[in-house]
Amino acid sequence: MTRSSKAGKRRTAQRASAAGALDYGHTEGGIILFDNARRARRVRWLIFGSSALCLGCLYSALDLLRTYGLSPGDGGVLRPLGERWAVAALLAMLGVAQLAGILFYAGLYLVRVELSAKRLILSTLRPFGTKRREVEAAKIGSVRFHDWALEPGSSVSTPWLALRVVGRRSPFILDLGAEYVDRAAIEKLCDASAE
């Protein structure tokens, strides 16, 4: 199957999903427990914005390295090389750090979870596409609910589940604002693996 035909089938499935015609219970691969394509697009746009910000920081750092101190407000005299390197390095590190942080978050952000023959297929977000990981269902550690709110009583709330897998340091993130979440099946799977 070619890449364009896969993309076409995916778009068709998304359109059918939006129309309510797609049965979220079953696919060719197994049972869908979680699907989050719409919010994943938002996170992907955040990745692209962070990439642009990182490039801007790197360009500005290079410019500061060459010209810091030459503007009339700075005294019109080029600053010492050590000071220019320090300011440029700080700006470059800020740009790279925020991009590294969002890429780390994207690697934990689940787009889809499928159960297929006692194995979970976890699809995490990437800047272009997704990365699939197969994990034995018995290796699911725990699921923990989090409800972050901007302030107590606020209408801005982002509930999510932290899905722990045995052998991994960081949990996967299941955004409960997704199009489809079978929370009972996910929790039952965790209870069964704990036994």
C-alpha atoms as a PDB file:
ATOM      1  CA  MET A   1       0.000   0.000   0.000  1.00  0.00           C
ATOM      2  CA  THR A   2       1.445   3.339  -0.987  1.00  0.00           C
ATOM      3  CA  ARG A   3       1.843   6.286   1.328  1.00  0.00           C
ATOM      4  CA  SER A   4      -0.758   8.381  -0.537  1.00  0.00           C
ATOM      5  CA  SER A   5      -3.377   5.623  -0.405  1.00  0.00           C
ATOM      6  CA  LYS A   6      -2.790   5.249   3.355  1.00  0.00           C
ATOM      7  CA  ALA A   7      -3.240   8.999   3.793  1.00  0.00           C
ATOM      8  CA  GLY A   8      -6.407   8.879   1.690  1.00  0.00           C
ATOM      9  CA  LYS A   9      -7.866   6.057   3.767  1.00  0.00           C
ATOM     10  CA  ARG A  10      -6.961   7.917   6.965  1.00  0.00           C
ATOM     11  CA  ARG A  11      -8.720  11.085   5.731  1.00  0.00           C
ATOM     12  CA  THR A  12     -11.769   9.037   4.742  1.00  0.00           C
ATOM     13  CA  ALA A  13     -11.855   7.423   8.192  1.00  0.00           C
ATOM     14  CA  GLN A  14     -11.554  10.838   9.830  1.00  0.00           C
ATOM     15  CA  ARG A  15     -14.435  12.207   7.755  1.00  0.00           C
ATOM     16  CA  ALA A  16     -16.545   9.159   8.590  1.00  0.00           C
ATOM     17  CA  SER A  17     -15.598   9.591  12.234  1.00  0.00           C
ATOM     18  CA  ALA A  18     -16.721  13.213  12.192  1.00  0.00           C
ATOM     19  CA  ALA A  19     -20.018  12.139  10.676  1.00  0.00           C
ATOM     20  CA  GLY A  20     -20.466   9.485  13.368  1.00  0.00           C
ATOM     21  CA  ALA A  21     -20.368   6.620  10.857  1.00  0.00           C
ATOM     22  CA  LEU A  22     -17.189   4.947  12.157  1.00  0.00           C
ATOM     23  CA  ASP A  23     -17.603   2.238  14.749  1.00  0.00           C
ATOM     24  CA  TYR A  24     -14.904   3.025  17.296  1.00  0.00           C
ATOM     25  CA  GLY A  25     -15.104  -0.431  18.804  1.00  0.00           C
ATOM     26  CA  HIS A  26     -13.181  -2.410  16.157  1.00  0.00           C
ATOM     27  CA  THR A  27     -10.613  -1.938  13.390  1.00  0.00           C
ATOM     28  CA  GLU A  28      -8.499  -4.243  11.269  1.00  0.00           C
ATOM     29  CA  GLY A  29      -5.851  -4.249  14.017  1.00  0.00           C
ATOM     30  CA  GLY A  30      -8.104  -4.815  17.006  1.00  0.00           C
ATOM     31  CA  ILE A  31     -10.242  -2.912  19.483  1.00  0.00           C
ATOM     32  CA  ILE A  32      -9.797   0.854  19.724  1.00  0.00           C
ATOM     33  CA  LEU A  33      -9.641   2.042  23.326  1.00  0.00           C
ATOM     34  CA  PHE A  34      -8.624   5.642  22.656  1.00  0.00           C
ATOM     35  CA  ASP A  35      -8.570   7.950  19.607  1.00  0.00           C
ATOM     36  CA  ASN A  36      -7.428  11.563  19.692  1.00  0.00           C
ATOM     37  CA  ALA A  37      -6.724  12.882  16.187  1.00  0.00           C
ATOM     38  CA  ARG A  38      -8.310  16.327  16.554  1.00  0.00           C
ATOM     39  CA  ARG A  39      -6.429  17.459  19.666  1.00  0.00           C
ATOM     40  CA  ALA A  40      -3.245  15.870  18.363  1.00  0.00           C
ATOM     41  CA  ARG A  41      -3.378  18.351  15.469  1.00  0.00           C
ATOM     42  CA  ARG A  42      -3.344  21.187  17.992  1.00  0.00           C
ATOM     43  CA  VAL A  43      -0.272  19.777  19.707  1.00  0.00           C
ATOM     44  CA  ARG A  44       1.386  19.307  16.314  1.00  0.00           C
ATOM     45  CA  TRP A  45       0.785  23.006  15.544  1.00  0.00           C
ATOM     46  CA  LEU A  46       2.365  23.796  18.908  1.00  0.00           C
ATOM     47  CA  ILE A  47       5.420  21.783  17.810  1.00  0.00           C
ATOM     48  CA  PHE A  48       5.638  23.786  14.578  1.00  0.00           C
ATOM     49  CA  GLY A  49       5.289  27.068  16.496  1.00  0.00           C
ATOM     50  CA  SER A  50       7.984  25.979  18.933  1.00  0.00           C
ATOM     51  CA  SER A  51      10.248  25.078  16.014  1.00  0.00           C
ATOM     52  CA  ALA A  52       9.773  28.545  14.533  1.00  0.00           C
ATOM     53  CA  LEU A  53      10.491  30.132  17.916  1.00  0.00           C
ATOM     54  CA  CYS A  54      13.635  28.010  18.272  1.00  0.00           C
ATOM     55  CA  LEU A  55      14.861  29.098  14.839  1.00  0.00           C
ATOM     56  CA  GLY A  56      14.155  32.726  15.749  1.00  0.00           C
ATOM     57  CA  CYS A  57      16.109  32.369  18.986  1.00  0.00           C
ATOM     58  CA  LEU A  58      19.056  30.777  17.180  1.00  0.00           C
ATOM     59  CA  TYR A  59      19.089  33.518  14.529  1.00  0.00           C
ATOM     60  CA  SER A  60      18.880  36.229  17.202  1.00  0.00           C
ATOM     61  CA  ALA A  61      21.661  34.570  19.187  1.00  0.00           C
ATOM     62  CA  LEU A  62      23.895  34.590  16.127  1.00  0.00           C
ATOM     63  CA  ASP A  63      23.052  38.250  15.500  1.00  0.00           C
ATOM     64  CA  LEU A  64      23.789  39.151  19.128  1.00  0.00           C
ATOM     65  CA  LEU A  65      27.089  37.323  18.938  1.00  0.00           C
ATOM     66  CA  ARG A  66      28.147  39.538  16.038  1.00  0.00           C
ATOM     67  CA  THR A  67      26.589  42.897  16.971  1.00  0.00           C
ATOM     68  CA  TYR A  68      25.797  43.080  20.719  1.00  0.00           C
ATOM     69  CA  GLY A  69      26.673  46.564  21.964  1.00  0.00           C
ATOM     70  CA  LEU A  70      26.834  48.345  18.601  1.00  0.00           C
ATOM     71  CA  SER A  71      23.410  50.007  18.782  1.00  0.00           C
ATOM     72  CA  PRO A  72      23.374  53.597  20.100  1.00  0.00           C
ATOM     73  CA  GLY A  73      21.281  52.520  23.107  1.00  0.00           C
ATOM     74  CA  ASP A  74      23.971  50.029  24.117  1.00  0.00           C
ATOM     75  CA  GLY A  75      26.758  52.617  23.860  1.00  0.00           C
ATOM     76  CA  GLY A  76      27.798  52.104  20.237  1.00  0.00           C
ATOM     77  CA  VAL A  77      30.800  49.931  21.201  1.00  0.00           C
ATOM     78  CA  LEU A  78      31.015  46.208  20.574  1.00  0.00           C
ATOM     79  CA  ARG A  79      30.836  44.305  23.892  1.00  0.00           C
ATOM     80  CA  PRO A  80      33.640  41.950  24.931  1.00  0.00           C
ATOM     81  CA  LEU A  81      33.611  38.531  23.257  1.00  0.00           C
ATOM     82  CA  GLY A  82      32.880  36.651  26.512  1.00  0.00           C
ATOM     83  CA  GLU A  83      29.833  38.793  27.243  1.00  0.00           C
ATOM     84  CA  ARG A  84      28.516  38.367  23.676  1.00  0.00           C
ATOM     85  CA  TRP A  85      28.990  34.583  23.895  1.00  0.00           C
ATOM     86  CA  ALA A  86      27.192  34.434  27.237  1.00  0.00           C
ATOM     87  CA  VAL A  87      24.136  36.389  26.036  1.00  0.00           C
ATOM     88  CA  ALA A  88      23.995  34.504  22.726  1.00  0.00           C
ATOM     89  CA  ALA A  89      24.340  31.113  24.440  1.00  0.00           C
ATOM     90  CA  LEU A  90      21.575  31.951  26.925  1.00  0.00           C
ATOM     91  CA  LEU A  91      19.174  32.939  24.144  1.00  0.00           C
ATOM     92  CA  ALA A  92      20.044  29.867  22.065  1.00  0.00           C
ATOM     93  CA  MET A  93      19.575  27.554  25.060  1.00  0.00           C
ATOM     94  CA  LEU A  94      16.150  29.041  25.785  1.00  0.00           C
ATOM     95  CA  GLY A  95      15.044  28.366  22.220  1.00  0.00           C
ATOM     96  CA  VAL A  96      16.402  24.815  22.159  1.00  0.00           C
ATOM     97  CA  ALA A  97      15.081  23.991  25.656  1.00  0.00           C
ATOM     98  CA  GLN A  98      11.481  24.919  24.855  1.00  0.00           C
ATOM     99  CA  LEU A  99      11.593  22.900  21.615  1.00  0.00           C
ATOM    100  CA  ALA A 100      13.130  19.895  23.417  1.00  0.00           C
ATOM    101  CA  GLY A 101      10.395  20.137  26.064  1.00  0.00           C
ATOM    102  CA  ILE A 102       7.535  20.104  23.565  1.00  0.00           C
ATOM    103  CA  LEU A 103       9.136  17.221  21.628  1.00  0.00           C
ATOM    104  CA  PHE A 104       9.461  15.247  24.888  1.00  0.00           C
ATOM    105  CA  TYR A 105       5.791  15.969  25.666  1.00  0.00           C
ATOM    106  CA  ALA A 106       4.778  14.882  22.149  1.00  0.00           C
ATOM    107  CA  GLY A 107       6.593  11.588  22.651  1.00  0.00           C
ATOM    108  CA  LEU A 108       4.349  10.884  25.644  1.00  0.00           C
ATOM    109  CA  TYR A 109       1.106  12.238  24.119  1.00  0.00           C
ATOM    110  CA  LEU A 110      -1.012   9.331  22.880  1.00  0.00           C
ATOM    111  CA  VAL A 111      -2.963   9.729  19.665  1.00  0.00           C
ATOM    112  CA  ARG A 112      -4.420   6.233  19.581  1.00  0.00           C
ATOM    113  CA  VAL A 113      -4.531   3.083  21.730  1.00  0.00           C
ATOM    114  CA  GLU A 114      -5.596  -0.260  20.279  1.00  0.00           C
ATOM    115  CA  LEU A 115      -5.878  -3.673  21.910  1.00  0.00           C
ATOM    116  CA  SER A 116      -4.876  -6.522  19.625  1.00  0.00           C
ATOM    117  CA  ALA A 117      -4.288 -10.103  20.760  1.00  0.00           C
ATOM    118  CA  LYS A 118      -3.253  -9.271  24.351  1.00  0.00           C
ATOM    119  CA  ARG A 119      -0.965  -6.478  23.096  1.00  0.00           C
ATOM    120  CA  LEU A 120      -1.514  -2.754  23.249  1.00  0.00           C
ATOM    121  CA  ILE A 121      -0.554  -0.665  20.258  1.00  0.00           C
ATOM    122  CA  LEU A 122       0.284   2.826  21.513  1.00  0.00           C
ATOM    123  CA  SER A 123       0.615   5.567  18.881  1.00  0.00           C
ATOM    124  CA  THR A 124       2.420   8.691  20.086  1.00  0.00           C
ATOM    125  CA  LEU A 125       2.679  12.031  18.378  1.00  0.00           C
ATOM    126  CA  ARG A 126       5.589  13.057  16.157  1.00  0.00           C
ATOM    127  CA  PRO A 127       6.048  16.297  14.196  1.00  0.00           C
ATOM    128  CA  PHE A 128       5.139  14.400  11.019  1.00  0.00           C
ATOM    129  CA  GLY A 129       2.999  11.329  11.662  1.00  0.00           C
ATOM    130  CA  THR A 130       2.950   9.032  14.657  1.00  0.00           C
ATOM    131  CA  LYS A 131       5.207   6.439  16.250  1.00  0.00           C
ATOM    132  CA  ARG A 132       3.699   3.042  17.075  1.00  0.00           C
ATOM    133  CA  ARG A 133       4.866   1.037  20.069  1.00  0.00           C
ATOM    134  CA  GLU A 134       3.635  -2.434  20.892  1.00  0.00           C
ATOM    135  CA  VAL A 135       3.421  -3.332  24.574  1.00  0.00           C
ATOM    136  CA  GLU A 136       2.151  -6.506  26.194  1.00  0.00           C
ATOM    137  CA  ALA A 137      -1.143  -5.830  27.942  1.00  0.00           C
ATOM    138  CA  ALA A 138       0.264  -7.419  31.106  1.00  0.00           C
ATOM    139  CA  LYS A 139       2.940  -4.706  31.289  1.00  0.00           C
ATOM    140  CA  ILE A 140       0.433  -1.912  31.862  1.00  0.00           C
ATOM    141  CA  GLY A 141       1.186  -0.640  35.341  1.00  0.00           C
ATOM    142  CA  SER A 142      -1.482   1.808  36.423  1.00  0.00           C
ATOM    143  CA  VAL A 143      -3.789   4.562  35.272  1.00  0.00           C
ATOM    144  CA  ARG A 144      -4.004   7.743  37.294  1.00  0.00           C
ATOM    145  CA  PHE A 145      -6.549  10.521  36.761  1.00  0.00           C
ATOM    146  CA  HIS A 146      -5.437  14.172  36.751  1.00  0.00           C
ATOM    147  CA  ASP A 147      -7.715  17.184  36.460  1.00  0.00           C
ATOM    148  CA  TRP A 148      -5.781  20.380  35.889  1.00  0.00           C
ATOM    149  CA  ALA A 149      -7.769  23.607  36.153  1.00  0.00           C
ATOM    150  CA  LEU A 150      -6.599  27.158  35.515  1.00  0.00           C
ATOM    151  CA  GLU A 151      -7.913  28.082  38.944  1.00  0.00           C
ATOM    152  CA  PRO A 152     -10.385  26.406  41.313  1.00  0.00           C
ATOM    153  CA  GLY A 153     -13.905  26.644  39.910  1.00  0.00           C
ATOM    154  CA  SER A 154     -12.625  27.744  36.489  1.00  0.00           C
ATOM    155  CA  SER A 155     -14.269  26.593  33.272  1.00  0.00           C
ATOM    156  CA  VAL A 156     -10.793  25.974  31.808  1.00  0.00           C
ATOM    157  CA  SER A 157     -10.088  22.356  32.692  1.00  0.00           C
ATOM    158  CA  THR A 158      -7.972  19.682  31.022  1.00  0.00           C
ATOM    159  CA  PRO A 159      -8.537  16.237  32.519  1.00  0.00           C
ATOM    160  CA  TRP A 160      -6.090  13.523  31.497  1.00  0.00           C
ATOM    161  CA  LEU A 161      -4.938  10.037  32.435  1.00  0.00           C
ATOM    162  CA  ALA A 162      -1.355   9.014  33.114  1.00  0.00           C
ATOM    163  CA  LEU A 163      -0.870   5.504  31.705  1.00  0.00           C
ATOM    164  CA  ARG A 164       2.158   3.806  33.252  1.00  0.00           C
ATOM    165  CA  VAL A 165       3.961   0.991  31.470  1.00  0.00           C
ATOM    166  CA  VAL A 166       6.307  -1.285  33.423  1.00  0.00           C
ATOM    167  CA  GLY A 167       9.914  -0.518  32.502  1.00  0.00           C
ATOM    168  CA  ARG A 168       9.314   3.099  31.440  1.00  0.00           C
ATOM    169  CA  ARG A 169      10.159   6.118  33.554  1.00  0.00           C
ATOM    170  CA  SER A 170       7.550   8.498  32.175  1.00  0.00           C
ATOM    171  CA  PRO A 171       3.853   7.700  31.806  1.00  0.00           C
ATOM    172  CA  PHE A 172       1.961   8.144  28.576  1.00  0.00           C
ATOM    173  CA  ILE A 173      -0.634  10.937  28.455  1.00  0.00           C
ATOM    174  CA  LEU A 174      -4.245  10.197  27.504  1.00  0.00           C
ATOM    175  CA  ASP A 175      -6.103  13.471  26.952  1.00  0.00           C
ATOM    176  CA  LEU A 176      -9.710  12.930  28.089  1.00  0.00           C
ATOM    177  CA  GLY A 177     -10.940  15.608  25.681  1.00  0.00           C
ATOM    178  CA  ALA A 178     -10.342  13.107  22.867  1.00  0.00           C
ATOM    179  CA  GLU A 179     -12.943  12.072  20.311  1.00  0.00           C
ATOM    180  CA  TYR A 180     -13.190   8.578  21.783  1.00  0.00           C
ATOM    181  CA  VAL A 181     -12.125   7.240  25.182  1.00  0.00           C
ATOM    182  CA  ASP A 182     -13.146   3.837  26.506  1.00  0.00           C
ATOM    183  CA  ARG A 183     -12.045   4.650  30.050  1.00  0.00           C
ATOM    184  CA  ALA A 184     -13.698   1.616  31.614  1.00  0.00           C
ATOM    185  CA  ALA A 185     -11.841  -0.768  29.280  1.00  0.00           C
ATOM    186  CA  ILE A 186      -8.517   0.981  29.947  1.00  0.00           C
ATOM    187  CA  GLU A 187      -9.013   0.796  33.724  1.00  0.00           C
ATOM    188  CA  LYS A 188     -10.144  -2.856  33.483  1.00  0.00           C
ATOM    189  CA  LEU A 189      -6.993  -3.640  31.499  1.00  0.00           C
ATOM    190  CA  CYS A 190      -4.865  -2.069  34.235  1.00  0.00           C
ATOM    191  CA  ASP A 191      -6.719  -3.967  36.948  1.00  0.00           C
ATOM    192  CA  ALA A 192      -6.227  -7.248  35.066  1.00  0.00           C
ATOM    193  CA  SER A 193      -2.487  -6.628  34.643  1.00  0.00           C
ATOM    194  CA  ALA A 194      -2.150  -5.861  38.370  1.00  0.00           C
ATOM    195  CA  GLU A 195      -3.467  -9.324  39.273  1.00  0.00           C
END
